[in-house]
Amino acid sequence: TLSNLPHLVDITTMVQLLGDLGVKI
């Protein structure tokens, strides 16, 4: 769990990538 997460396009892209890899988010 990471806090102080910025709301940015690059963060969203990493979320999508991890999700595609099977990480539950």
PDB file of all heavy atoms in Angstrom:
ATOM      1  N   THR A   1       0.844  -1.190   0.000  1.00  0.00           N
ATOM      2  CA  THR A   1       0.000   0.000   0.000  1.00  0.00           C
ATOM      3  C   THR A   1       0.877   1.236   0.000  1.00  0.00           C
ATOM      4  O   THR A   1       1.743   1.395   0.866  1.00  0.00           O
ATOM      5  CB  THR A   1      -0.942   0.030   1.219  1.00  0.00           C
ATOM      6  OG1 THR A   1      -1.797  -1.118   1.186  1.00  0.00           O
ATOM      7  CG2 THR A   1      -1.805   1.287   1.205  1.00  0.00           C
ATOM      8  N   LEU A   2       0.668   2.108  -0.973  1.00  0.00           N
ATOM      9  CA  LEU A   2       1.417   3.354  -1.091  1.00  0.00           C
ATOM     10  C   LEU A   2       0.472   4.525  -0.866  1.00  0.00           C
ATOM     11  O   LEU A   2      -0.584   4.599  -1.493  1.00  0.00           O
ATOM     12  CB  LEU A   2       2.055   3.478  -2.480  1.00  0.00           C
ATOM     13  CG  LEU A   2       3.041   2.392  -2.890  1.00  0.00           C
ATOM     14  CD1 LEU A   2       3.477   2.600  -4.343  1.00  0.00           C
ATOM     15  CD2 LEU A   2       4.263   2.380  -1.968  1.00  0.00           C
ATOM     16  N   SER A   3       0.855   5.451  -0.004  1.00  0.00           N
ATOM     17  CA  SER A   3       0.084   6.673   0.210  1.00  0.00           C
ATOM     18  C   SER A   3       0.823   7.872  -0.361  1.00  0.00           C
ATOM     19  O   SER A   3       1.974   7.776  -0.773  1.00  0.00           O
ATOM     20  CB  SER A   3      -0.209   6.875   1.693  1.00  0.00           C
ATOM     21  OG  SER A   3       0.990   6.988   2.435  1.00  0.00           O
ATOM     22  N   ASN A   4       0.141   9.015  -0.376  1.00  0.00           N
ATOM     23  CA  ASN A   4       0.654  10.238  -1.008  1.00  0.00           C
ATOM     24  C   ASN A   4       0.881  10.024  -2.499  1.00  0.00           C
ATOM     25  O   ASN A   4       1.865  10.480  -3.089  1.00  0.00           O
ATOM     26  CB  ASN A   4       1.941  10.719  -0.336  1.00  0.00           C
ATOM     27  CG  ASN A   4       2.206  12.197  -0.568  1.00  0.00           C
ATOM     28  OD1 ASN A   4       1.306  12.964  -0.873  1.00  0.00           O
ATOM     29  ND2 ASN A   4       3.452  12.597  -0.429  1.00  0.00           N
ATOM     30  N   LEU A   5      -0.055   9.333  -3.127  1.00  0.00           N
ATOM     31  CA  LEU A   5       0.048   8.994  -4.546  1.00  0.00           C
ATOM     32  C   LEU A   5      -0.450  10.163  -5.390  1.00  0.00           C
ATOM     33  O   LEU A   5      -1.568  10.636  -5.215  1.00  0.00           O
ATOM     34  CB  LEU A   5      -0.793   7.748  -4.846  1.00  0.00           C
ATOM     35  CG  LEU A   5      -0.673   7.189  -6.272  1.00  0.00           C
ATOM     36  CD1 LEU A   5       0.643   6.435  -6.433  1.00  0.00           C
ATOM     37  CD2 LEU A   5      -1.860   6.265  -6.565  1.00  0.00           C
ATOM     38  N   PRO A   6       0.363  10.662  -6.332  1.00  0.00           N
ATOM     39  CA  PRO A   6      -0.113  11.745  -7.187  1.00  0.00           C
ATOM     40  C   PRO A   6      -1.103  11.245  -8.230  1.00  0.00           C
ATOM     41  O   PRO A   6      -1.028  10.083  -8.667  1.00  0.00           O
ATOM     42  CB  PRO A   6       1.169  12.253  -7.854  1.00  0.00           C
ATOM     43  CG  PRO A   6       2.077  11.055  -7.890  1.00  0.00           C
ATOM     44  CD  PRO A   6       1.762  10.278  -6.637  1.00  0.00           C
ATOM     45  N   HIS A   7      -2.026  12.112  -8.622  1.00  0.00           N
ATOM     46  CA  HIS A   7      -3.017  11.770  -9.635  1.00  0.00           C
ATOM     47  C   HIS A   7      -2.527  12.298 -10.982  1.00  0.00           C
ATOM     48  O   HIS A   7      -2.755  13.447 -11.347  1.00  0.00           O
ATOM     49  CB  HIS A   7      -4.376  12.367  -9.282  1.00  0.00           C
ATOM     50  CG  HIS A   7      -5.462  11.973 -10.238  1.00  0.00           C
ATOM     51  ND1 HIS A   7      -5.795  10.664 -10.495  1.00  0.00           N
ATOM     52  CD2 HIS A   7      -6.286  12.716 -11.007  1.00  0.00           C
ATOM     53  CE1 HIS A   7      -6.773  10.619 -11.377  1.00  0.00           C
ATOM     54  NE2 HIS A   7      -7.081  11.845 -11.706  1.00  0.00           N
ATOM     55  N   LEU A   8      -1.837  11.436 -11.730  1.00  0.00           N
ATOM     56  CA  LEU A   8      -1.194  11.833 -12.972  1.00  0.00           C
ATOM     57  C   LEU A   8      -1.427  10.765 -14.042  1.00  0.00           C
ATOM     58  O   LEU A   8      -1.688   9.602 -13.721  1.00  0.00           O
ATOM     59  CB  LEU A   8       0.311  12.000 -12.758  1.00  0.00           C
ATOM     60  CG  LEU A   8       0.748  13.038 -11.711  1.00  0.00           C
ATOM     61  CD1 LEU A   8       2.232  12.878 -11.398  1.00  0.00           C
ATOM     62  CD2 LEU A   8       0.450  14.443 -12.209  1.00  0.00           C
ATOM     63  N   VAL A   9      -1.280  11.161 -15.296  1.00  0.00           N
ATOM     64  CA  VAL A   9      -1.471  10.224 -16.398  1.00  0.00           C
ATOM     65  C   VAL A   9      -0.478   9.071 -16.313  1.00  0.00           C
ATOM     66  O   VAL A   9      -0.827   7.915 -16.550  1.00  0.00           O
ATOM     67  CB  VAL A   9      -1.352  10.953 -17.756  1.00  0.00           C
ATOM     68  CG1 VAL A   9      -1.276   9.952 -18.899  1.00  0.00           C
ATOM     69  CG2 VAL A   9      -2.530  11.899 -17.962  1.00  0.00           C
ATOM     70  N   ASP A  10       0.785   9.350 -15.985  1.00  0.00           N
ATOM     71  CA  ASP A  10       1.782   8.284 -15.889  1.00  0.00           C
ATOM     72  C   ASP A  10       1.431   7.286 -14.784  1.00  0.00           C
ATOM     73  O   ASP A  10       1.683   6.084 -14.923  1.00  0.00           O
ATOM     74  CB  ASP A  10       3.170   8.874 -15.631  1.00  0.00           C
ATOM     75  CG  ASP A  10       3.828   9.398 -16.899  1.00  0.00           C
ATOM     76  OD1 ASP A  10       3.160   9.411 -17.954  1.00  0.00           O
ATOM     77  OD2 ASP A  10       5.006   9.812 -16.852  1.00  0.00           O
ATOM     78  N   ILE A  11       0.855   7.757 -13.696  1.00  0.00           N
ATOM     79  CA  ILE A  11       0.414   6.861 -12.623  1.00  0.00           C
ATOM     80  C   ILE A  11      -0.728   5.978 -13.122  1.00  0.00           C
ATOM     81  O   ILE A  11      -0.750   4.764 -12.881  1.00  0.00           O
ATOM     82  CB  ILE A  11      -0.022   7.663 -11.384  1.00  0.00           C
ATOM     83  CG1 ILE A  11       1.151   8.477 -10.827  1.00  0.00           C
ATOM     84  CG2 ILE A  11      -0.597   6.728 -10.316  1.00  0.00           C
ATOM     85  CD1 ILE A  11       2.308   7.668 -10.306  1.00  0.00           C
ATOM     86  N   THR A  12      -1.661   6.572 -13.838  1.00  0.00           N
ATOM     87  CA  THR A  12      -2.773   5.806 -14.411  1.00  0.00           C
ATOM     88  C   THR A  12      -2.267   4.745 -15.379  1.00  0.00           C
ATOM     89  O   THR A  12      -2.760   3.612 -15.393  1.00  0.00           O
ATOM     90  CB  THR A  12      -3.757   6.746 -15.118  1.00  0.00           C
ATOM     91  OG1 THR A  12      -4.245   7.713 -14.183  1.00  0.00           O
ATOM     92  CG2 THR A  12      -4.936   5.980 -15.699  1.00  0.00           C
ATOM     93  N   THR A  13      -1.266   5.109 -16.192  1.00  0.00           N
ATOM     94  CA  THR A  13      -0.683   4.145 -17.120  1.00  0.00           C
ATOM     95  C   THR A  13      -0.057   2.971 -16.373  1.00  0.00           C
ATOM     96  O   THR A  13      -0.228   1.812 -16.756  1.00  0.00           O
ATOM     97  CB  THR A  13       0.369   4.825 -18.011  1.00  0.00           C
ATOM     98  OG1 THR A  13      -0.237   5.880 -18.748  1.00  0.00           O
ATOM     99  CG2 THR A  13       0.992   3.832 -18.984  1.00  0.00           C
ATOM    100  N   MET A  14       0.660   3.241 -15.284  1.00  0.00           N
ATOM    101  CA  MET A  14       1.263   2.167 -14.503  1.00  0.00           C
ATOM    102  C   MET A  14       0.184   1.305 -13.843  1.00  0.00           C
ATOM    103  O   MET A  14       0.322   0.074 -13.773  1.00  0.00           O
ATOM    104  CB  MET A  14       2.221   2.733 -13.463  1.00  0.00           C
ATOM    105  CG  MET A  14       2.947   1.672 -12.636  1.00  0.00           C
ATOM    106  SD  MET A  14       4.007   0.550 -13.607  1.00  0.00           S
ATOM    107  CE  MET A  14       5.502   1.547 -13.732  1.00  0.00           C
ATOM    108  N   VAL A  15      -0.887   1.927 -13.376  1.00  0.00           N
ATOM    109  CA  VAL A  15      -2.008   1.169 -12.815  1.00  0.00           C
ATOM    110  C   VAL A  15      -2.569   0.209 -13.864  1.00  0.00           C
ATOM    111  O   VAL A  15      -2.818  -0.973 -13.593  1.00  0.00           O
ATOM    112  CB  VAL A  15      -3.109   2.121 -12.299  1.00  0.00           C
ATOM    113  CG1 VAL A  15      -4.403   1.341 -12.009  1.00  0.00           C
ATOM    114  CG2 VAL A  15      -2.654   2.841 -11.035  1.00  0.00           C
ATOM    115  N   GLN A  16      -2.774   0.708 -15.085  1.00  0.00           N
ATOM    116  CA  GLN A  16      -3.297  -0.127 -16.161  1.00  0.00           C
ATOM    117  C   GLN A  16      -2.337  -1.263 -16.486  1.00  0.00           C
ATOM    118  O   GLN A  16      -2.757  -2.407 -16.711  1.00  0.00           O
ATOM    119  CB  GLN A  16      -3.546   0.728 -17.404  1.00  0.00           C
ATOM    120  CG  GLN A  16      -4.676   1.723 -17.252  1.00  0.00           C
ATOM    121  CD  GLN A  16      -4.770   2.679 -18.441  1.00  0.00           C
ATOM    122  OE1 GLN A  16      -3.789   2.953 -19.125  1.00  0.00           O
ATOM    123  NE2 GLN A  16      -5.969   3.183 -18.683  1.00  0.00           N
ATOM    124  N   LEU A  17      -1.045  -0.953 -16.515  1.00  0.00           N
ATOM    125  CA  LEU A  17      -0.048  -1.976 -16.818  1.00  0.00           C
ATOM    126  C   LEU A  17      -0.039  -3.063 -15.751  1.00  0.00           C
ATOM    127  O   LEU A  17      -0.068  -4.265 -16.076  1.00  0.00           O
ATOM    128  CB  LEU A  17       1.329  -1.326 -16.936  1.00  0.00           C
ATOM    129  CG  LEU A  17       2.521  -2.267 -17.159  1.00  0.00           C
ATOM    130  CD1 LEU A  17       2.332  -3.115 -18.396  1.00  0.00           C
ATOM    131  CD2 LEU A  17       3.824  -1.459 -17.259  1.00  0.00           C
ATOM    132  N   LEU A  18      -0.008  -2.680 -14.483  1.00  0.00           N
ATOM    133  CA  LEU A  18      -0.017  -3.660 -13.402  1.00  0.00           C
ATOM    134  C   LEU A  18      -1.307  -4.474 -13.423  1.00  0.00           C
ATOM    135  O   LEU A  18      -1.305  -5.677 -13.179  1.00  0.00           O
ATOM    136  CB  LEU A  18       0.163  -2.969 -12.048  1.00  0.00           C
ATOM    137  CG  LEU A  18       1.529  -2.317 -11.799  1.00  0.00           C
ATOM    138  CD1 LEU A  18       1.518  -1.564 -10.469  1.00  0.00           C
ATOM    139  CD2 LEU A  18       2.652  -3.352 -11.811  1.00  0.00           C
ATOM    140  N   GLY A  19      -2.421  -3.799 -13.715  1.00  0.00           N
ATOM    141  CA  GLY A  19      -3.688  -4.506 -13.818  1.00  0.00           C
ATOM    142  C   GLY A  19      -3.670  -5.545 -14.921  1.00  0.00           C
ATOM    143  O   GLY A  19      -4.161  -6.671 -14.747  1.00  0.00           O
ATOM    144  N   ASP A  20      -3.086  -5.193 -16.079  1.00  0.00           N
ATOM    145  CA  ASP A  20      -2.966  -6.143 -17.180  1.00  0.00           C
ATOM    146  C   ASP A  20      -2.088  -7.334 -16.810  1.00  0.00           C
ATOM    147  O   ASP A  20      -2.283  -8.448 -17.310  1.00  0.00           O
ATOM    148  CB  ASP A  20      -2.387  -5.445 -18.410  1.00  0.00           C
ATOM    149  CG  ASP A  20      -3.435  -4.719 -19.234  1.00  0.00           C
ATOM    150  OD1 ASP A  20      -4.583  -4.571 -18.753  1.00  0.00           O
ATOM    151  OD2 ASP A  20      -3.114  -4.308 -20.373  1.00  0.00           O
ATOM    152  N   LEU A  21      -1.109  -7.098 -15.932  1.00  0.00           N
ATOM    153  CA  LEU A  21      -0.234  -8.178 -15.486  1.00  0.00           C
ATOM    154  C   LEU A  21      -0.902  -9.082 -14.456  1.00  0.00           C
ATOM    155  O   LEU A  21      -0.354 -10.119 -14.092  1.00  0.00           O
ATOM    156  CB  LEU A  21       1.058  -7.600 -14.906  1.00  0.00           C
ATOM    157  CG  LEU A  21       2.005  -6.927 -15.908  1.00  0.00           C
ATOM    158  CD1 LEU A  21       3.157  -6.239 -15.182  1.00  0.00           C
ATOM    159  CD2 LEU A  21       2.554  -7.942 -16.906  1.00  0.00           C
ATOM    160  N   GLY A  22      -2.066  -8.677 -13.954  1.00  0.00           N
ATOM    161  CA  GLY A  22      -2.797  -9.499 -13.003  1.00  0.00           C
ATOM    162  C   GLY A  22      -2.770  -9.017 -11.572  1.00  0.00           C
ATOM    163  O   GLY A  22      -3.267  -9.712 -10.670  1.00  0.00           O
ATOM    164  N   VAL A  23      -2.190  -7.833 -11.321  1.00  0.00           N
ATOM    165  CA  VAL A  23      -2.161  -7.278  -9.975  1.00  0.00           C
ATOM    166  C   VAL A  23      -3.549  -6.760  -9.612  1.00  0.00           C
ATOM    167  O   VAL A  23      -4.174  -6.035 -10.392  1.00  0.00           O
ATOM    168  CB  VAL A  23      -1.124  -6.139  -9.870  1.00  0.00           C
ATOM    169  CG1 VAL A  23      -1.111  -5.555  -8.458  1.00  0.00           C
ATOM    170  CG2 VAL A  23       0.266  -6.650 -10.248  1.00  0.00           C
ATOM    171  N   LYS A  24      -4.042  -7.158  -8.429  1.00  0.00           N
ATOM    172  CA  LYS A  24      -5.316  -6.645  -7.939  1.00  0.00           C
ATOM    173  C   LYS A  24      -5.081  -5.278  -7.300  1.00  0.00           C
ATOM    174  O   LYS A  24      -4.246  -5.138  -6.402  1.00  0.00           O
ATOM    175  CB  LYS A  24      -5.935  -7.604  -6.928  1.00  0.00           C
ATOM    176  CG  LYS A  24      -6.248  -8.982  -7.495  1.00  0.00           C
ATOM    177  CD  LYS A  24      -6.740  -9.918  -6.400  1.00  0.00           C
ATOM    178  CE  LYS A  24      -6.980 -11.321  -6.935  1.00  0.00           C
ATOM    179  NZ  LYS A  24      -7.361 -12.264  -5.848  1.00  0.00           N
ATOM    180  N   ILE A  25      -5.827  -4.272  -7.755  1.00  0.00           N
ATOM    181  CA  ILE A  25      -5.577  -2.894  -7.340  1.00  0.00           C
ATOM    182  C   ILE A  25      -6.841  -2.271  -6.776  1.00  0.00           C
ATOM    183  O   ILE A  25      -7.924  -2.417  -7.339  1.00  0.00           O
ATOM    184  CB  ILE A  25      -5.071  -2.064  -8.537  1.00  0.00           C
ATOM    185  CG1 ILE A  25      -3.720  -2.612  -9.010  1.00  0.00           C
ATOM    186  CG2 ILE A  25      -4.944  -0.584  -8.170  1.00  0.00           C
ATOM    187  CD1 ILE A  25      -3.218  -2.002 -10.285  1.00  0.00           C
TER     188      ILE A  25
END
